[in-house]
Each structure stands twice: as C-alpha cells, then as structure tokens.
Amino acid sequence: MEYFLQQKLLEDKNFKRYFNENTNYIKYLNRDPEYYKVFMREMKERYKERTTDKLNDAINTIDIVSSIIDTLK
C-alpha cells in the first residue's frame, strides 16, 4: 500500500475504524490506490458523514426545536 494511503488511514479515526472492521480493503488498496475513493465513499455512507446526511440531521434538529417551541406556546 502506498505511503500516503497509510498516512490517511492512520490520521482519521473513522477511516481507521472502518478499515479495521473491513479488512478486505487491504487487498484492494494494495492492488489499486484509486480504490481509496470507493473506500472513502463507503465509509462516509456507513458513518453518515455525507453532505446529504448532515443536511438531514440539521433539518431534523430544526424540526425538533420548532416542535418544542410550539409545545411551549
């Protein structure tokens, strides 16, 4: 595996955790460093770190706050 991939995996705790849970990625990343993009996409999907997930969480939080305010009125 290339050095920059190893550094990326060790720097981010979510990358490291997902990598440890799915060790089959060792084979793919050793063969093709471009597979890192697939790894990153799947990790973000699993831990809900995509932009759409963050927007949905923000909308849900706003809905909860507005319902609490409506209840207090």
N, C-alpha and C. Protein backbone atom coordinates (compact mmCIF):
# COMPACT_ATOMS: atom_id res chain seq x y z
N MET A 1 0.85 -1.17 0.00
CA MET A 1 0.00 0.00 0.00
C MET A 1 0.89 1.23 0.00
N GLU A 2 0.46 2.24 -0.72
CA GLU A 2 1.27 3.44 -0.81
C GLU A 2 1.29 4.19 0.51
N TYR A 3 2.37 4.92 0.69
CA TYR A 3 2.60 5.61 1.97
C TYR A 3 1.51 6.63 2.29
N PHE A 4 1.08 7.41 1.28
CA PHE A 4 0.08 8.44 1.57
C PHE A 4 -1.25 7.82 2.00
N LEU A 5 -1.57 6.62 1.47
CA LEU A 5 -2.79 5.92 1.91
C LEU A 5 -2.67 5.49 3.37
N GLN A 6 -1.52 4.99 3.73
CA GLN A 6 -1.31 4.59 5.12
C GLN A 6 -1.45 5.77 6.06
N GLN A 7 -0.91 6.91 5.66
CA GLN A 7 -1.00 8.11 6.49
C GLN A 7 -2.45 8.57 6.62
N LYS A 8 -3.19 8.55 5.53
CA LYS A 8 -4.60 8.95 5.56
C LYS A 8 -5.39 8.04 6.49
N LEU A 9 -5.12 6.75 6.43
CA LEU A 9 -5.85 5.79 7.25
C LEU A 9 -5.54 5.97 8.74
N LEU A 10 -4.32 6.33 9.04
CA LEU A 10 -3.94 6.49 10.44
C LEU A 10 -4.35 7.85 11.02
N GLU A 11 -4.51 8.85 10.18
CA GLU A 11 -4.85 10.19 10.66
C GLU A 11 -6.29 10.30 11.14
N ASP A 12 -7.22 9.72 10.42
CA ASP A 12 -8.63 9.87 10.72
C ASP A 12 -9.14 8.64 11.47
N LYS A 13 -9.78 8.87 12.61
CA LYS A 13 -10.22 7.74 13.43
C LYS A 13 -11.33 6.95 12.76
N ASN A 14 -12.21 7.62 11.98
CA ASN A 14 -13.28 6.89 11.29
C ASN A 14 -12.72 6.03 10.18
N PHE A 15 -11.74 6.55 9.45
CA PHE A 15 -11.10 5.75 8.41
C PHE A 15 -10.46 4.52 9.04
N LYS A 16 -9.75 4.73 10.11
CA LYS A 16 -9.05 3.63 10.77
C LYS A 16 -10.04 2.59 11.30
N ARG A 17 -11.13 3.05 11.90
CA ARG A 17 -12.13 2.14 12.45
C ARG A 17 -12.80 1.34 11.34
N TYR A 18 -13.19 2.01 10.26
CA TYR A 18 -13.83 1.31 9.15
C TYR A 18 -12.86 0.33 8.49
N PHE A 19 -11.63 0.73 8.39
CA PHE A 19 -10.60 -0.15 7.81
C PHE A 19 -10.41 -1.39 8.67
N ASN A 20 -10.39 -1.22 9.99
CA ASN A 20 -10.24 -2.38 10.87
C ASN A 20 -11.46 -3.29 10.84
N GLU A 21 -12.63 -2.72 10.63
CA GLU A 21 -13.84 -3.54 10.56
C GLU A 21 -13.95 -4.27 9.23
N ASN A 22 -13.37 -3.72 8.19
CA ASN A 22 -13.46 -4.29 6.84
C ASN A 22 -12.05 -4.50 6.28
N THR A 23 -11.41 -5.50 6.75
CA THR A 23 -10.01 -5.73 6.39
C THR A 23 -9.83 -6.19 4.95
N ASN A 24 -10.91 -6.52 4.27
CA ASN A 24 -10.78 -6.92 2.87
C ASN A 24 -10.29 -5.77 1.99
N TYR A 25 -10.37 -4.54 2.48
CA TYR A 25 -9.88 -3.40 1.71
C TYR A 25 -8.36 -3.39 1.57
N ILE A 26 -7.66 -4.11 2.41
CA ILE A 26 -6.20 -4.18 2.29
C ILE A 26 -5.82 -4.68 0.90
N LYS A 27 -6.48 -5.73 0.49
CA LYS A 27 -6.20 -6.33 -0.83
C LYS A 27 -6.47 -5.33 -1.96
N TYR A 28 -7.61 -4.68 -1.89
CA TYR A 28 -7.99 -3.75 -2.97
C TYR A 28 -7.08 -2.52 -3.00
N LEU A 29 -6.76 -1.99 -1.84
CA LEU A 29 -5.91 -0.80 -1.79
C LEU A 29 -4.47 -1.11 -2.17
N ASN A 30 -4.02 -2.31 -1.90
CA ASN A 30 -2.67 -2.70 -2.33
C ASN A 30 -2.59 -2.82 -3.84
N ARG A 31 -3.65 -3.30 -4.45
CA ARG A 31 -3.64 -3.50 -5.89
C ARG A 31 -3.85 -2.20 -6.66
N ASP A 32 -4.74 -1.36 -6.15
CA ASP A 32 -5.09 -0.14 -6.88
C ASP A 32 -5.34 1.01 -5.90
N PRO A 33 -4.43 1.97 -5.84
CA PRO A 33 -4.62 3.11 -4.92
C PRO A 33 -5.85 3.95 -5.24
N GLU A 34 -6.34 3.87 -6.47
CA GLU A 34 -7.55 4.61 -6.84
C GLU A 34 -8.79 4.07 -6.12
N TYR A 35 -8.70 2.87 -5.59
CA TYR A 35 -9.81 2.28 -4.84
C TYR A 35 -10.07 3.03 -3.55
N TYR A 36 -9.15 3.91 -3.19
CA TYR A 36 -9.31 4.74 -2.00
C TYR A 36 -10.58 5.58 -2.07
N LYS A 37 -10.93 6.03 -3.26
CA LYS A 37 -12.15 6.83 -3.43
C LYS A 37 -13.39 6.00 -3.10
N VAL A 38 -13.40 4.75 -3.51
CA VAL A 38 -14.51 3.85 -3.21
C VAL A 38 -14.55 3.59 -1.71
N PHE A 39 -13.40 3.34 -1.13
CA PHE A 39 -13.31 3.12 0.31
C PHE A 39 -13.84 4.32 1.08
N MET A 40 -13.45 5.50 0.67
CA MET A 40 -13.87 6.72 1.35
C MET A 40 -15.37 6.93 1.21
N ARG A 41 -15.90 6.70 0.03
CA ARG A 41 -17.33 6.87 -0.20
C ARG A 41 -18.15 5.90 0.66
N GLU A 42 -17.72 4.65 0.71
CA GLU A 42 -18.44 3.66 1.51
C GLU A 42 -18.33 3.94 3.00
N MET A 43 -17.18 4.43 3.44
CA MET A 43 -17.00 4.78 4.84
C MET A 43 -17.92 5.94 5.22
N LYS A 44 -17.99 6.95 4.39
CA LYS A 44 -18.84 8.10 4.67
C LYS A 44 -20.31 7.70 4.67
N GLU A 45 -20.66 6.78 3.79
CA GLU A 45 -22.04 6.30 3.75
C GLU A 45 -22.37 5.52 5.02
N ARG A 46 -21.45 4.70 5.46
CA ARG A 46 -21.66 3.87 6.66
C ARG A 46 -21.80 4.71 7.93
N TYR A 47 -20.94 5.72 8.08
CA TYR A 47 -20.94 6.55 9.30
C TYR A 47 -21.73 7.84 9.13
N LYS A 48 -22.48 7.94 8.03
CA LYS A 48 -23.37 9.08 7.77
C LYS A 48 -22.62 10.41 7.85
N GLU A 49 -21.57 10.52 7.08
CA GLU A 49 -20.77 11.74 7.03
C GLU A 49 -20.90 12.45 5.68
N ARG A 50 -21.85 12.00 4.87
CA ARG A 50 -22.06 12.67 3.59
C ARG A 50 -22.75 14.01 3.83
N THR A 51 -22.66 14.89 2.86
CA THR A 51 -23.29 16.21 2.97
C THR A 51 -24.79 16.08 3.12
N THR A 52 -25.40 15.17 2.40
CA THR A 52 -26.85 14.99 2.50
C THR A 52 -27.25 14.51 3.88
N ASP A 53 -26.44 13.64 4.48
CA ASP A 53 -26.73 13.18 5.84
C ASP A 53 -26.66 14.32 6.83
N LYS A 54 -25.67 15.17 6.68
CA LYS A 54 -25.51 16.31 7.58
C LYS A 54 -26.67 17.28 7.43
N LEU A 55 -27.13 17.52 6.19
CA LEU A 55 -28.27 18.40 5.98
C LEU A 55 -29.54 17.81 6.58
N ASN A 56 -29.74 16.51 6.43
CA ASN A 56 -30.91 15.86 7.03
C ASN A 56 -30.89 15.97 8.55
N ASP A 57 -29.72 15.80 9.15
CA ASP A 57 -29.60 15.94 10.60
C ASP A 57 -29.93 17.36 11.05
N ALA A 58 -29.47 18.35 10.29
CA ALA A 58 -29.75 19.75 10.62
C ALA A 58 -31.24 20.04 10.50
N ILE A 59 -31.88 19.53 9.46
CA ILE A 59 -33.32 19.73 9.28
C ILE A 59 -34.10 19.05 10.40
N ASN A 60 -33.68 17.86 10.79
CA ASN A 60 -34.35 17.16 11.89
C ASN A 60 -34.21 17.93 13.19
N THR A 61 -33.04 18.49 13.43
CA THR A 61 -32.82 19.28 14.65
C THR A 61 -33.69 20.52 14.66
N ILE A 62 -33.80 21.18 13.53
CA ILE A 62 -34.65 22.37 13.42
C ILE A 62 -36.11 21.99 13.65
N ASP A 63 -36.55 20.86 13.11
CA ASP A 63 -37.92 20.40 13.31
C ASP A 63 -38.20 20.12 14.79
N ILE A 64 -37.25 19.51 15.46
CA ILE A 64 -37.42 19.21 16.88
C ILE A 64 -37.51 20.49 17.69
N VAL A 65 -36.63 21.43 17.41
CA VAL A 65 -36.64 22.70 18.14
C VAL A 65 -37.94 23.45 17.89
N SER A 66 -38.41 23.47 16.66
CA SER A 66 -39.66 24.19 16.37
C SER A 66 -40.86 23.51 17.02
N SER A 67 -40.86 22.17 17.09
CA SER A 67 -41.96 21.49 17.77
C SER A 67 -41.94 21.73 19.27
N ILE A 68 -40.77 21.84 19.85
CA ILE A 68 -40.65 22.16 21.28
C ILE A 68 -41.16 23.57 21.54
N ILE A 69 -40.79 24.50 20.68
CA ILE A 69 -41.26 25.88 20.82
C ILE A 69 -42.78 25.96 20.68
N ASP A 70 -43.34 25.22 19.72
CA ASP A 70 -44.79 25.20 19.54
C ASP A 70 -45.49 24.60 20.77
N THR A 71 -44.89 23.61 21.37
CA THR A 71 -45.48 22.99 22.56
C THR A 71 -45.46 23.95 23.74
N LEU A 72 -44.43 24.76 23.86
CA LEU A 72 -44.31 25.69 24.97
C LEU A 72 -45.25 26.87 24.85
N LYS A 73 -45.78 27.15 23.66
CA LYS A 73 -46.68 28.30 23.47
C LYS A 73 -48.02 28.08 24.06
